[in-house]
C-alpha atoms as a PDB file:
ATOM      1  CA  MET A   1     -12.270 -15.376  16.491  1.00  0.00           C
ATOM      2  CA  LYS A   2     -11.365 -14.858  12.847  1.00  0.00           C
ATOM      3  CA  LYS A   3      -7.841 -13.526  12.317  1.00  0.00           C
ATOM      4  CA  VAL A   4      -6.283 -11.568   9.451  1.00  0.00           C
ATOM      5  CA  ASP A   5      -2.773 -10.633   8.438  1.00  0.00           C
ATOM      6  CA  VAL A   6      -1.830  -7.045   7.693  1.00  0.00           C
ATOM      7  CA  CYS A   7       0.484  -5.752   4.969  1.00  0.00           C
ATOM      8  CA  VAL A   8       2.212  -2.387   4.882  1.00  0.00           C
ATOM      9  CA  ILE A   9       4.808  -1.215   2.369  1.00  0.00           C
ATOM     10  CA  TYR A  10       7.682   0.554   4.064  1.00  0.00           C
ATOM     11  CA  TYR A  11       9.027   3.403   1.957  1.00  0.00           C
ATOM     12  CA  GLY A  12      10.447   5.666   4.616  1.00  0.00           C
ATOM     13  CA  LYS A  13       8.315   7.477   7.227  1.00  0.00           C
ATOM     14  CA  PRO A  14       9.304   5.370  10.268  1.00  0.00           C
ATOM     15  CA  TYR A  15       7.329   7.405  12.815  1.00  0.00           C
ATOM     16  CA  GLN A  16       4.222   7.523  10.633  1.00  0.00           C
ATOM     17  CA  THR A  17       4.558   3.785  10.042  1.00  0.00           C
ATOM     18  CA  ILE A  18       4.708   3.137  13.785  1.00  0.00           C
ATOM     19  CA  ILE A  19       1.574   5.229  14.332  1.00  0.00           C
ATOM     20  CA  SER A  20      -0.213   3.403  11.501  1.00  0.00           C
ATOM     21  CA  ILE A  21       0.491   0.032  13.098  1.00  0.00           C
ATOM     22  CA  LEU A  22      -0.092   1.046  16.732  1.00  0.00           C
ATOM     23  CA  SER A  23      -3.354   2.859  15.963  1.00  0.00           C
ATOM     24  CA  LEU A  24      -4.611  -0.143  13.987  1.00  0.00           C
ATOM     25  CA  LEU A  25      -3.662  -2.484  16.827  1.00  0.00           C
ATOM     26  CA  LYS A  26      -5.466  -0.229  19.294  1.00  0.00           C
ATOM     27  CA  VAL A  27      -8.819  -0.479  17.505  1.00  0.00           C
ATOM     28  CA  SER A  28      -8.544  -3.847  15.711  1.00  0.00           C
ATOM     29  CA  GLY A  29      -5.748  -5.709  17.485  1.00  0.00           C
ATOM     30  CA  GLN A  30      -7.926  -8.647  18.495  1.00  0.00           C
ATOM     31  CA  TYR A  31      -8.234  -9.636  14.821  1.00  0.00           C
ATOM     32  CA  ILE A  32      -4.575  -9.320  13.809  1.00  0.00           C
ATOM     33  CA  ASN A  33      -2.354 -12.377  13.455  1.00  0.00           C
ATOM     34  CA  LYS A  34       0.801 -10.947  11.868  1.00  0.00           C
ATOM     35  CA  ILE A  35       2.118  -7.817  10.140  1.00  0.00           C
ATOM     36  CA  TYR A  36       3.939  -8.144   6.818  1.00  0.00           C
ATOM     37  CA  ILE A  37       6.348  -5.255   6.280  1.00  0.00           C
ATOM     38  CA  THR A  38       7.823  -5.056   2.805  1.00  0.00           C
ATOM     39  CA  VAL A  39      10.866  -2.779   2.814  1.00  0.00           C
ATOM     40  CA  GLU A  40      11.313  -1.184  -0.595  1.00  0.00           C
ATOM     41  CA  TYR A  41      14.656  -1.831  -2.317  1.00  0.00           C
ATOM     42  CA  LYS A  42      15.234   1.927  -2.445  1.00  0.00           C
ATOM     43  CA  GLN A  43      14.481   4.254   0.450  1.00  0.00           C
ATOM     44  CA  PRO A  44      13.866   8.017   0.384  1.00  0.00           C
ATOM     45  CA  PHE A  45      16.892  10.187   1.108  1.00  0.00           C
ATOM     46  CA  GLY A  46      19.085   7.148   1.805  1.00  0.00           C
ATOM     47  CA  GLN A  47      17.425   6.250   5.131  1.00  0.00           C
ATOM     48  CA  TYR A  48      17.918   2.496   4.853  1.00  0.00           C
ATOM     49  CA  GLY A  49      18.161   1.589   8.548  1.00  0.00           C
ATOM     50  CA  ASP A  50      15.151   3.484   9.883  1.00  0.00           C
ATOM     51  CA  VAL A  51      12.804   0.521   9.472  1.00  0.00           C
ATOM     52  CA  TYR A  52      14.388  -0.917  12.624  1.00  0.00           C
ATOM     53  CA  LYS A  53      12.760   1.874  14.603  1.00  0.00           C
ATOM     54  CA  VAL A  54       9.456   0.399  13.441  1.00  0.00           C
ATOM     55  CA  ILE A  55      10.446  -3.156  14.273  1.00  0.00           C
ATOM     56  CA  LYS A  56      11.694  -2.195  17.739  1.00  0.00           C
ATOM     57  CA  ALA A  57       8.481  -0.311  18.483  1.00  0.00           C
ATOM     58  CA  VAL A  58       6.045  -3.107  17.565  1.00  0.00           C
ATOM     59  CA  GLU A  59       7.865  -6.466  17.635  1.00  0.00           C
ATOM     60  CA  ASN A  60       6.859  -7.211  21.237  1.00  0.00           C
ATOM     61  CA  ILE A  61       3.201  -6.540  20.444  1.00  0.00           C
ATOM     62  CA  VAL A  62       2.647  -8.413  17.183  1.00  0.00           C
ATOM     63  CA  PRO A  63       4.719 -10.828  15.031  1.00  0.00           C
ATOM     64  CA  ILE A  64       6.515  -9.167  12.113  1.00  0.00           C
ATOM     65  CA  ASP A  65       7.337 -10.751   8.739  1.00  0.00           C
ATOM     66  CA  LEU A  66       9.991  -8.564   7.099  1.00  0.00           C
ATOM     67  CA  TYR A  67      10.631  -8.840   3.365  1.00  0.00           C
ATOM     68  CA  HIS A  68      13.204  -7.043   1.200  1.00  0.00           C
ATOM     69  CA  PRO A  69      12.367  -7.191  -2.543  1.00  0.00           C
ATOM     70  CA  LYS A  70      15.231  -7.840  -4.951  1.00  0.00           C
ATOM     71  CA  SER A  71      14.352  -4.786  -7.064  1.00  0.00           C
ATOM     72  CA  PHE A  72      12.460  -1.498  -6.913  1.00  0.00           C
ATOM     73  CA  TYR A  73       9.134  -1.114  -8.678  1.00  0.00           C
ATOM     74  CA  ASN A  74       8.969   2.475  -9.902  1.00  0.00           C
ATOM     75  CA  LEU A  75       5.297   2.385 -10.991  1.00  0.00           C
ATOM     76  CA  GLU A  76       6.186   1.500 -14.576  1.00  0.00           C
ATOM     77  CA  ILE A  77       4.015  -0.695 -16.822  1.00  0.00           C
ATOM     78  CA  LEU A  78       4.663  -4.281 -15.745  1.00  0.00           C
ATOM     79  CA  ASP A  79       5.857  -7.061 -18.055  1.00  0.00           C
ATOM     80  CA  TYR A  80       3.025  -9.619 -17.880  1.00  0.00           C
ATOM     81  CA  ASP A  81       5.073 -12.715 -18.748  1.00  0.00           C
ATOM     82  CA  ARG A  82       7.894 -11.735 -16.420  1.00  0.00           C
ATOM     83  CA  VAL A  83       5.461 -11.152 -13.567  1.00  0.00           C
ATOM     84  CA  LYS A  84       3.939 -14.563 -14.173  1.00  0.00           C
ATOM     85  CA  ASN A  85       7.217 -16.472 -14.297  1.00  0.00           C
ATOM     86  CA  ASN A  86       9.703 -14.547 -12.147  1.00  0.00           C
ATOM     87  CA  ASP A  87       8.982 -14.650  -8.400  1.00  0.00           C
ATOM     88  CA  ASP A  88      11.475 -11.951  -7.412  1.00  0.00           C
ATOM     89  CA  TYR A  89      10.155  -9.529 -10.019  1.00  0.00           C
ATOM     90  CA  ARG A  90       6.537 -10.235  -9.048  1.00  0.00           C
ATOM     91  CA  TRP A  91       7.249  -9.800  -5.331  1.00  0.00           C
ATOM     92  CA  SER A  92       8.586  -6.308  -6.039  1.00  0.00           C
ATOM     93  CA  VAL A  93       5.001  -5.323  -6.913  1.00  0.00           C
ATOM     94  CA  PRO A  94       3.442  -3.661  -3.848  1.00  0.00           C
ATOM     95  CA  TYR A  95       1.595  -6.051  -1.487  1.00  0.00           C
ATOM     96  CA  GLN A  96       2.195  -9.087  -3.718  1.00  0.00           C
ATOM     97  CA  TYR A  97       4.609 -10.886  -1.382  1.00  0.00           C
ATOM     98  CA  ALA A  98       2.099 -10.833   1.469  1.00  0.00           C
ATOM     99  CA  LEU A  99      -0.799 -11.713  -0.842  1.00  0.00           C
ATOM    100  CA  GLU A 100       1.053 -14.867  -1.866  1.00  0.00           C
ATOM    101  CA  HIS A 101       2.508 -15.825   1.523  1.00  0.00           C
ATOM    102  CA  THR A 102      -0.189 -15.155   4.098  1.00  0.00           C
ATOM    103  CA  LYS A 103      -1.857 -18.236   5.571  1.00  0.00           C
ATOM    104  CA  MET A 104      -4.926 -16.295   6.649  1.00  0.00           C
ATOM    105  CA  GLN A 105      -8.185 -16.115   4.686  1.00  0.00           C
ATOM    106  CA  TRP A 106      -8.012 -12.325   4.439  1.00  0.00           C
ATOM    107  CA  LEU A 107      -5.262  -9.743   4.129  1.00  0.00           C
ATOM    108  CA  PHE A 108      -5.723  -6.188   5.357  1.00  0.00           C
ATOM    109  CA  ILE A 109      -3.632  -3.757   3.296  1.00  0.00           C
ATOM    110  CA  MET A 110      -2.795  -0.241   4.412  1.00  0.00           C
ATOM    111  CA  HIS A 111      -0.555   2.740   3.731  1.00  0.00           C
ATOM    112  CA  ASN A 112       2.143   3.652   6.211  1.00  0.00           C
ATOM    113  CA  ASP A 113       0.710   7.099   6.966  1.00  0.00           C
ATOM    114  CA  MET A 114      -2.638   6.225   8.553  1.00  0.00           C
ATOM    115  CA  VAL A 115      -4.194   7.009  11.917  1.00  0.00           C
ATOM    116  CA  PHE A 116      -7.073   4.667  12.774  1.00  0.00           C
ATOM    117  CA  HIS A 117      -9.774   5.695  15.231  1.00  0.00           C
ATOM    118  CA  ARG A 118     -12.436   2.994  14.656  1.00  0.00           C
ATOM    119  CA  ASP A 119     -12.390  -0.787  14.186  1.00  0.00           C
ATOM    120  CA  MET A 120     -12.330  -1.134  10.399  1.00  0.00           C
ATOM    121  CA  ILE A 121     -11.294  -4.798  10.340  1.00  0.00           C
ATOM    122  CA  GLY A 122     -14.131  -5.736  12.687  1.00  0.00           C
ATOM    123  CA  ASP A 123     -16.630  -4.149  10.299  1.00  0.00           C
ATOM    124  CA  MET A 124     -15.033  -5.718   7.215  1.00  0.00           C
ATOM    125  CA  LEU A 125     -14.975  -9.352   8.291  1.00  0.00           C
ATOM    126  CA  PRO A 126     -18.773  -9.885   8.390  1.00  0.00           C
ATOM    127  CA  LEU A 127     -19.045  -8.643   4.798  1.00  0.00           C
ATOM    128  CA  PHE A 128     -16.916 -11.567   3.611  1.00  0.00           C
ATOM    129  CA  GLN A 129     -18.664 -14.067   5.841  1.00  0.00           C
ATOM    130  CA  GLN A 130     -22.079 -13.013   4.542  1.00  0.00           C
ATOM    131  CA  ASP A 131     -21.201 -13.202   0.831  1.00  0.00           C
ATOM    132  CA  ALA A 132     -18.854 -15.781  -0.699  1.00  0.00           C
ATOM    133  CA  GLN A 133     -18.489 -13.648  -3.832  1.00  0.00           C
ATOM    134  CA  MET A 134     -16.995 -10.748  -1.874  1.00  0.00           C
ATOM    135  CA  ALA A 135     -13.472 -10.224  -3.212  1.00  0.00           C
ATOM    136  CA  GLY A 136     -12.570  -7.029  -1.399  1.00  0.00           C
ATOM    137  CA  THR A 137     -13.808  -4.182   0.698  1.00  0.00           C
ATOM    138  CA  GLY A 138     -12.604  -0.709   1.570  1.00  0.00           C
ATOM    139  CA  SER A 139     -12.728   2.739   0.036  1.00  0.00           C
ATOM    140  CA  ILE A 140     -13.697   2.395  -3.640  1.00  0.00           C
ATOM    141  CA  GLY A 141     -12.953   4.904  -6.361  1.00  0.00           C
ATOM    142  CA  GLN A 142     -10.516   7.747  -6.860  1.00  0.00           C
ATOM    143  CA  CYS A 143     -13.488  10.069  -7.035  1.00  0.00           C
ATOM    144  CA  TRP A 144     -11.299  13.154  -6.587  1.00  0.00           C
ATOM    145  CA  SER A 145      -9.797  12.312 -10.020  1.00  0.00           C
ATOM    146  CA  CYS A 146     -12.958  11.123 -11.775  1.00  0.00           C
ATOM    147  CA  PRO A 147     -15.128  13.358 -14.000  1.00  0.00           C
ATOM    148  CA  ALA A 148     -18.213  11.234 -13.290  1.00  0.00           C
ATOM    149  CA  ALA A 149     -17.936  12.050  -9.592  1.00  0.00           C
ATOM    150  CA  LYS A 150     -17.442  15.753 -10.354  1.00  0.00           C
ATOM    151  CA  ALA A 151     -20.614  15.598 -12.440  1.00  0.00           C
ATOM    152  CA  GLN A 152     -22.379  13.884  -9.499  1.00  0.00           C
ATOM    153  CA  LEU A 153     -23.138  10.829 -11.598  1.00  0.00           C
ATOM    154  CA  CYS A 154     -21.076   8.262  -9.719  1.00  0.00           C
ATOM    155  CA  GLY A 155     -19.315   7.507  -6.438  1.00  0.00           C
ATOM    156  CA  GLY A 156     -17.940   4.677  -4.337  1.00  0.00           C
ATOM    157  CA  GLN A 157     -21.371   3.577  -3.126  1.00  0.00           C
ATOM    158  CA  VAL A 158     -22.953   3.476  -6.597  1.00  0.00           C
ATOM    159  CA  PHE A 159     -20.110   2.558  -8.960  1.00  0.00           C
ATOM    160  CA  MET A 160     -21.907  -0.670  -9.939  1.00  0.00           C
ATOM    161  CA  GLU A 161     -25.099   1.195 -10.833  1.00  0.00           C
ATOM    162  CA  TYR A 162     -23.477   3.850 -13.013  1.00  0.00           C
ATOM    163  CA  ARG A 163     -22.891   2.099 -16.347  1.00  0.00           C
ATOM    164  CA  PRO A 164     -22.549   4.748 -19.059  1.00  0.00           C
ATOM    165  CA  SER A 165     -22.256   4.015 -22.752  1.00  0.00           C
ATOM    166  CA  ALA A 166     -18.852   4.590 -24.323  1.00  0.00           C
ATOM    167  CA  GLU A 167     -20.104   7.827 -25.839  1.00  0.00           C
ATOM    168  CA  GLU A 168     -21.442   9.112 -22.498  1.00  0.00           C
ATOM    169  CA  ALA A 169     -18.279   8.170 -20.606  1.00  0.00           C
ATOM    170  CA  ILE A 170     -16.031   9.843 -23.173  1.00  0.00           C
ATOM    171  CA  ALA A 171     -18.199  12.976 -23.202  1.00  0.00           C
ATOM    172  CA  VAL A 172     -18.047  13.434 -19.428  1.00  0.00           C
ATOM    173  CA  HIS A 173     -14.286  12.827 -19.420  1.00  0.00           C
ATOM    174  CA  GLU A 174     -13.832  15.454 -22.122  1.00  0.00           C
ATOM    175  CA  GLN A 175     -15.958  17.946 -20.172  1.00  0.00           C
ATOM    176  CA  TYR A 176     -13.892  17.952 -16.954  1.00  0.00           C
ATOM    177  CA  GLN A 177     -10.174  18.615 -16.559  1.00  0.00           C
ATOM    178  CA  THR A 178      -8.645  15.929 -14.308  1.00  0.00           C
ATOM    179  CA  PRO A 179      -5.028  14.950 -13.515  1.00  0.00           C
ATOM    180  CA  ARG A 180      -5.030  11.937 -15.866  1.00  0.00           C
ATOM    181  CA  GLN A 181      -7.575  13.116 -18.418  1.00  0.00           C
ATOM    182  CA  LYS A 182      -5.518  12.100 -21.457  1.00  0.00           C
ATOM    183  CA  ARG A 183      -4.740   8.650 -20.049  1.00  0.00           C
ATOM    184  CA  ASP A 184      -8.341   8.066 -18.961  1.00  0.00           C
ATOM    185  CA  LEU A 185      -9.622   8.945 -22.438  1.00  0.00           C
ATOM    186  CA  GLU A 186      -7.135   6.523 -24.011  1.00  0.00           C
ATOM    187  CA  ILE A 187      -8.502   3.772 -21.785  1.00  0.00           C
ATOM    188  CA  LEU A 188     -12.110   4.594 -22.672  1.00  0.00           C
ATOM    189  CA  HIS A 189     -11.328   4.669 -26.398  1.00  0.00           C
ATOM    190  CA  SER A 190      -9.809   1.183 -26.031  1.00  0.00           C
ATOM    191  CA  GLY A 191     -13.235  -0.092 -24.954  1.00  0.00           C
ATOM    192  CA  ARG A 192     -12.692  -0.415 -21.193  1.00  0.00           C
ATOM    193  CA  ILE A 193     -15.716   1.509 -19.938  1.00  0.00           C
ATOM    194  CA  HIS A 194     -16.939   0.043 -16.650  1.00  0.00           C
ATOM    195  CA  PRO A 195     -15.734   0.494 -14.020  1.00  0.00           C
ATOM    196  CA  LEU A 196     -14.417   3.870 -15.163  1.00  0.00           C
ATOM    197  CA  PRO A 197     -10.623   4.304 -15.540  1.00  0.00           C
ATOM    198  CA  GLU A 198     -10.063   5.912 -12.113  1.00  0.00           C
ATOM    199  CA  CYS A 199     -12.094   3.321 -10.231  1.00  0.00           C
ATOM    200  CA  ARG A 200     -10.355   0.881  -7.900  1.00  0.00           C
ATOM    201  CA  LEU A 201     -10.268  -0.618  -4.429  1.00  0.00           C
ATOM    202  CA  ASN A 202      -7.989   1.907  -2.727  1.00  0.00           C
ATOM    203  CA  GLU A 203      -4.962   0.435  -1.016  1.00  0.00           C
ATOM    204  CA  TYR A 204      -4.980   3.066   1.751  1.00  0.00           C
ATOM    205  CA  ALA A 205      -6.987   0.643   3.891  1.00  0.00           C
ATOM    206  CA  CYS A 206      -8.701  -2.358   2.329  1.00  0.00           C
ATOM    207  CA  MET A 207      -9.198  -6.090   2.809  1.00  0.00           C
ATOM    208  CA  ILE A 208      -8.879  -8.820   0.177  1.00  0.00           C
ATOM    209  CA  ASN A 209     -10.185 -12.392   0.094  1.00  0.00           C
ATOM    210  CA  ILE A 210      -6.990 -14.420  -0.351  1.00  0.00           C
ATOM    211  CA  GLU A 211      -8.476 -17.544  -1.932  1.00  0.00           C
ATOM    212  CA  THR A 212     -10.338 -15.457  -4.506  1.00  0.00           C
ATOM    213  CA  TYR A 213      -7.282 -13.334  -5.165  1.00  0.00           C
ATOM    214  CA  ARG A 214      -4.944 -16.260  -5.796  1.00  0.00           C
ATOM    215  CA  LYS A 215      -7.351 -18.165  -8.032  1.00  0.00           C
ATOM    216  CA  ASN A 216      -7.812 -15.169 -10.308  1.00  0.00           C
ATOM    217  CA  THR A 217      -4.474 -13.339 -10.161  1.00  0.00           C
ATOM    218  CA  LEU A 218      -0.953 -14.016 -11.385  1.00  0.00           C
ATOM    219  CA  PRO A 219       0.827 -16.365 -11.060  1.00  0.00           C
ATOM    220  CA  MET A 220      -2.056 -18.873 -10.622  1.00  0.00           C
ATOM    221  CA  GLY A 221      -4.741 -16.872 -12.415  1.00  0.00           C
ATOM    222  CA  THR A 222      -4.652 -14.535 -15.397  1.00  0.00           C
ATOM    223  CA  ASN A 223      -5.448 -11.123 -13.872  1.00  0.00           C
ATOM    224  CA  GLY A 224      -2.719  -8.574 -13.280  1.00  0.00           C
ATOM    225  CA  CYS A 225      -1.545  -8.137  -9.685  1.00  0.00           C
ATOM    226  CA  PHE A 226      -3.470  -5.786  -7.400  1.00  0.00           C
ATOM    227  CA  GLY A 227      -0.623  -3.358  -6.748  1.00  0.00           C
ATOM    228  CA  GLY A 228       0.657  -2.868 -10.282  1.00  0.00           C
ATOM    229  CA  ASN A 229       0.279  -0.695 -13.355  1.00  0.00           C
ATOM    230  CA  TRP A 230      -0.647  -2.541 -16.541  1.00  0.00           C
ATOM    231  CA  GLU A 231      -1.237  -1.612 -20.143  1.00  0.00           C
ATOM    232  CA  PHE A 232      -4.318   0.635 -20.405  1.00  0.00           C
ATOM    233  CA  THR A 233      -4.603   1.273 -16.677  1.00  0.00           C
ATOM    234  CA  ALA A 234      -4.684   4.692 -15.056  1.00  0.00           C
ATOM    235  CA  ASP A 235      -3.139   3.930 -11.685  1.00  0.00           C
ATOM    236  CA  LEU A 236      -2.115   1.185  -9.285  1.00  0.00           C
ATOM    237  CA  GLY A 237      -4.944  -1.282  -8.732  1.00  0.00           C
ATOM    238  CA  THR A 238      -7.280  -0.029 -11.449  1.00  0.00           C
ATOM    239  CA  GLY A 239      -6.423  -2.850 -13.868  1.00  0.00           C
ATOM    240  CA  TRP A 240      -6.976  -5.647 -11.347  1.00  0.00           C
ATOM    241  CA  PHE A 241     -10.181  -4.017 -10.120  1.00  0.00           C
ATOM    242  CA  HIS A 242     -11.563  -3.665 -13.647  1.00  0.00           C
ATOM    243  CA  GLN A 243     -10.851  -7.319 -14.410  1.00  0.00           C
ATOM    244  CA  MET A 244     -12.338  -8.615 -11.159  1.00  0.00           C
ATOM    245  CA  VAL A 245     -15.534  -6.573 -11.420  1.00  0.00           C
ATOM    246  CA  ASN A 246     -16.103  -7.711 -14.991  1.00  0.00           C
ATOM    247  CA  GLN A 247     -15.618 -11.330 -13.899  1.00  0.00           C
ATOM    248  CA  GLY A 248     -18.496 -10.996 -11.449  1.00  0.00           C
ATOM    249  CA  HIS A 249     -16.635 -10.527  -8.177  1.00  0.00           C
ATOM    250  CA  LYS A 250     -18.127  -8.211  -5.571  1.00  0.00           C
ATOM    251  CA  PHE A 251     -16.633  -5.246  -3.752  1.00  0.00           C
ATOM    252  CA  GLN A 252     -18.145  -3.311  -0.862  1.00  0.00           C
ATOM    253  CA  HIS A 253     -17.438   0.385  -0.343  1.00  0.00           C
ATOM    254  CA  LEU A 254     -16.611   1.708   3.110  1.00  0.00           C
ATOM    255  CA  VAL A 255     -16.033   5.390   3.835  1.00  0.00           C
ATOM    256  CA  LEU A 256     -12.371   5.666   4.814  1.00  0.00           C
ATOM    257  CA  GLU A 257     -12.870   8.773   6.930  1.00  0.00           C
ATOM    258  CA  ASP A 258     -15.299   6.878   9.172  1.00  0.00           C
ATOM    259  CA  TYR A 259     -12.365   4.780  10.326  1.00  0.00           C
ATOM    260  CA  ALA A 260      -9.091   6.586   9.733  1.00  0.00           C
ATOM    261  CA  LYS A 261      -7.252   9.708   8.680  1.00  0.00           C
ATOM    262  CA  HIS A 262      -4.773   9.499   5.813  1.00  0.00           C
ATOM    263  CA  SER A 263      -1.581  11.580   5.593  1.00  0.00           C
ATOM    264  CA  SER A 264      -2.578  13.722   8.539  1.00  0.00           C
ATOM    265  CA  PHE A 265       0.994  14.708   9.476  1.00  0.00           C
ATOM    266  CA  ASN A 266       1.838  16.210   6.110  1.00  0.00           C
ATOM    267  CA  PRO A 267       0.914  19.917   5.910  1.00  0.00           C
ATOM    268  CA  ILE A 268       0.359  19.523   2.165  1.00  0.00           C
ATOM    269  CA  GLY A 269      -2.070  16.678   2.844  1.00  0.00           C
ATOM    270  CA  GLN A 270      -0.619  14.308   0.254  1.00  0.00           C
ATOM    271  CA  GLY A 271       1.771  11.645   1.496  1.00  0.00           C
ATOM    272  CA  ILE A 272       3.400  11.079  -1.863  1.00  0.00           C
ATOM    273  CA  MET A 273       4.540  14.716  -2.057  1.00  0.00           C
ATOM    274  CA  ALA A 274       6.907  14.206   0.881  1.00  0.00           C
ATOM    275  CA  TYR A 275       9.085  11.851  -1.145  1.00  0.00           C
ATOM    276  CA  SER A 276      10.139  14.575  -3.564  1.00  0.00           C
ATOM    277  CA  ASN A 277      10.634  17.289  -0.950  1.00  0.00           C
ATOM    278  CA  ARG A 278      13.103  16.600   1.839  1.00  0.00           C
ATOM    279  CA  ASP A 279      11.916  19.514   4.000  1.00  0.00           C
ATOM    280  CA  ASN A 280       8.321  18.348   3.732  1.00  0.00           C
ATOM    281  CA  TYR A 281       9.374  14.774   4.515  1.00  0.00           C
ATOM    282  CA  LEU A 282      11.263  15.825   7.640  1.00  0.00           C
ATOM    283  CA  LEU A 283       8.444  18.092   8.801  1.00  0.00           C
ATOM    284  CA  SER A 284       5.893  15.299   8.371  1.00  0.00           C
ATOM    285  CA  GLU A 285       8.068  12.966  10.428  1.00  0.00           C
ATOM    286  CA  LYS A 286       8.626  15.646  13.079  1.00  0.00           C
ATOM    287  CA  ASN A 287       4.857  16.066  13.402  1.00  0.00           C
ATOM    288  CA  ALA A 288       4.430  12.297  13.635  1.00  0.00           C
ATOM    289  CA  LEU A 289       7.087  11.967  16.325  1.00  0.00           C
ATOM    290  CA  LYS A 290       5.339  14.643  18.410  1.00  0.00           C
ATOM    291  CA  TYR A 291       2.055  12.724  18.057  1.00  0.00           C
ATOM    292  CA  LEU A 292       3.798   9.463  18.936  1.00  0.00           C
ATOM    293  CA  LYS A 293       5.211  10.911  22.149  1.00  0.00           C
ATOM    294  CA  GLU A 294       1.948  12.535  23.190  1.00  0.00           C
ATOM    295  CA  ASN A 295      -0.376   9.617  22.403  1.00  0.00           C
ATOM    296  CA  TYR A 296       1.767   6.516  22.877  1.00  0.00           C
ATOM    297  CA  GLY A 297       4.407   7.685  25.316  1.00  0.00           C
ATOM    298  CA  THR A 298       7.356   6.687  23.161  1.00  0.00           C
ATOM    299  CA  ASP A 299       9.929   8.395  20.977  1.00  0.00           C
ATOM    300  CA  ALA A 300      10.668   5.115  19.152  1.00  0.00           C
ATOM    301  CA  SER A 301      14.340   5.310  20.076  1.00  0.00           C
ATOM    302  CA  ILE A 302      16.457   2.218  19.519  1.00  0.00           C
ATOM    303  CA  ASP A 303      19.198   0.775  21.698  1.00  0.00           C
ATOM    304  CA  PHE A 304      22.848   0.334  20.709  1.00  0.00           C
ATOM    305  CA  SER A 305      22.401  -3.295  19.657  1.00  0.00           C
ATOM    306  CA  THR A 306      19.452  -2.489  17.383  1.00  0.00           C
ATOM    307  CA  SER A 307      21.333   0.485  15.948  1.00  0.00           C
ATOM    308  CA  VAL A 308      24.270  -1.724  15.007  1.00  0.00           C
ATOM    309  CA  THR A 309      21.888  -4.296  13.523  1.00  0.00           C
ATOM    310  CA  ALA A 310      20.229  -1.544  11.488  1.00  0.00           C
ATOM    311  CA  GLY A 311      23.615  -0.390  10.239  1.00  0.00           C
ATOM    312  CA  LEU A 312      24.663  -3.886   9.257  1.00  0.00           C
ATOM    313  CA  GLU A 313      21.401  -4.474   7.445  1.00  0.00           C
ATOM    314  CA  GLU A 314      21.836  -1.153   5.677  1.00  0.00           C
ATOM    315  CA  GLN A 315      25.291  -2.263   4.600  1.00  0.00           C
ATOM    316  CA  LYS A 316      23.968  -5.631   3.475  1.00  0.00           C
ATOM    317  CA  TYR A 317      21.207  -4.265   1.301  1.00  0.00           C
ATOM    318  CA  ARG A 318      23.035  -1.230  -0.016  1.00  0.00           C
ATOM    319  CA  PHE A 319      25.919  -3.339  -1.257  1.00  0.00           C
ATOM    320  CA  ARG A 320      24.069  -6.593  -1.900  1.00  0.00           C
ATOM    321  CA  ASP A 321      25.388  -6.853  -5.446  1.00  0.00           C
ATOM    322  CA  PHE A 322      29.005  -6.976  -4.326  1.00  0.00           C
ATOM    323  CA  ARG A 323      30.483 -10.445  -3.921  1.00  0.00           C
ATOM    324  CA  LYS A 324      32.433 -12.020  -1.069  1.00  0.00           C
ATOM    325  CA  GLY A 325      31.850  -9.099   1.294  1.00  0.00           C
ATOM    326  CA  LEU A 326      34.032  -6.684  -0.700  1.00  0.00           C
ATOM    327  CA  ILE A 327      32.422  -3.500   0.553  1.00  0.00           C
ATOM    328  CA  PRO A 328      33.907  -0.205  -0.686  1.00  0.00           C
ATOM    329  CA  ASN A 329      34.601   2.412   1.967  1.00  0.00           C
ATOM    330  CA  ALA A 330      33.884  -0.101   4.725  1.00  0.00           C
ATOM    331  CA  LYS A 331      35.739   1.892   7.421  1.00  0.00           C
ATOM    332  CA  LYS A 332      33.865   5.062   6.538  1.00  0.00           C
ATOM    333  CA  PHE A 333      30.568   3.199   6.654  1.00  0.00           C
ATOM    334  CA  ALA A 334      31.403   1.631  10.032  1.00  0.00           C
ATOM    335  CA  LYS A 335      32.104   5.084  11.501  1.00  0.00           C
ATOM    336  CA  LYS A 336      28.715   6.238  10.221  1.00  0.00           C
ATOM    337  CA  ILE A 337      27.030   3.321  12.018  1.00  0.00           C
ATOM    338  CA  LEU A 338      28.771   4.146  15.304  1.00  0.00           C
ATOM    339  CA  ARG A 339      27.891   7.845  15.033  1.00  0.00           C
ATOM    340  CA  ARG A 340      24.226   6.910  14.582  1.00  0.00           C
ATOM    341  CA  ALA A 341      24.374   4.653  17.654  1.00  0.00           C
END
């Protein structure tokens, strides 16, 4: 049986992350070799040790490869030469560490606020095996942000067929108000027309051909990394997708909702909103914990030993720039660890 590795970026949301992994294992576990968890350098609301709740909940089910980047990528425009030549900087780009380190032929990438109800990986694998030019598959297009979709001219299934002239693309983008209208028009005026600026392989749940990725993407190839923002790109992944499509690589659209729900525990319905609103973040996690108890029979609690380990890791990564173990307020921090335990 063909196996894949899975990559998830951990930026808080421990209970939602556990559900994402457990629900994926439930429907597609027979295909999964290992889970890469990249723990962002910064964590929302200072919750640095919570990732150990995730590890404790899944480590006896599937192997975990934990990676802590050396810096935090805050969605800024990436420095091309630095990405090419500096491993630590490049591995701070979402999903890049796993894309470079997996030994499998394919990497399944997902958000940490998913609930899977159907075997997505099992339906993705044959698409790659049937077509050697297939570079990636998953939900294609940010159609909710694209004027062409609002005008019913384009969509994930037909993005390769809709090839407007520059004049037509600019006209439709001027007609509809969208969140990144100004940025999208700048991209179109620069001559990057197809795929349209909002089009990408969405990282919510997608699979990438590793050999194709590495041959064409930094540091071995010339394309910008999948998970980054580049000059004249609208959002994460749009630059890489535009380059790959125009180099002749194929992508197959799958309807995400046929396989999973995204951000279902957030009453606002947008996972990213929780990171700027503590009350919303806590409510989303409370909802996820309730679901976890009811559907998986666990509250993801950790034992004393794991709690101490989490505290020590928190200390290590919070004060990593200090030399020779000179940690300020060490006694105060130790008391905090014991209180948590």
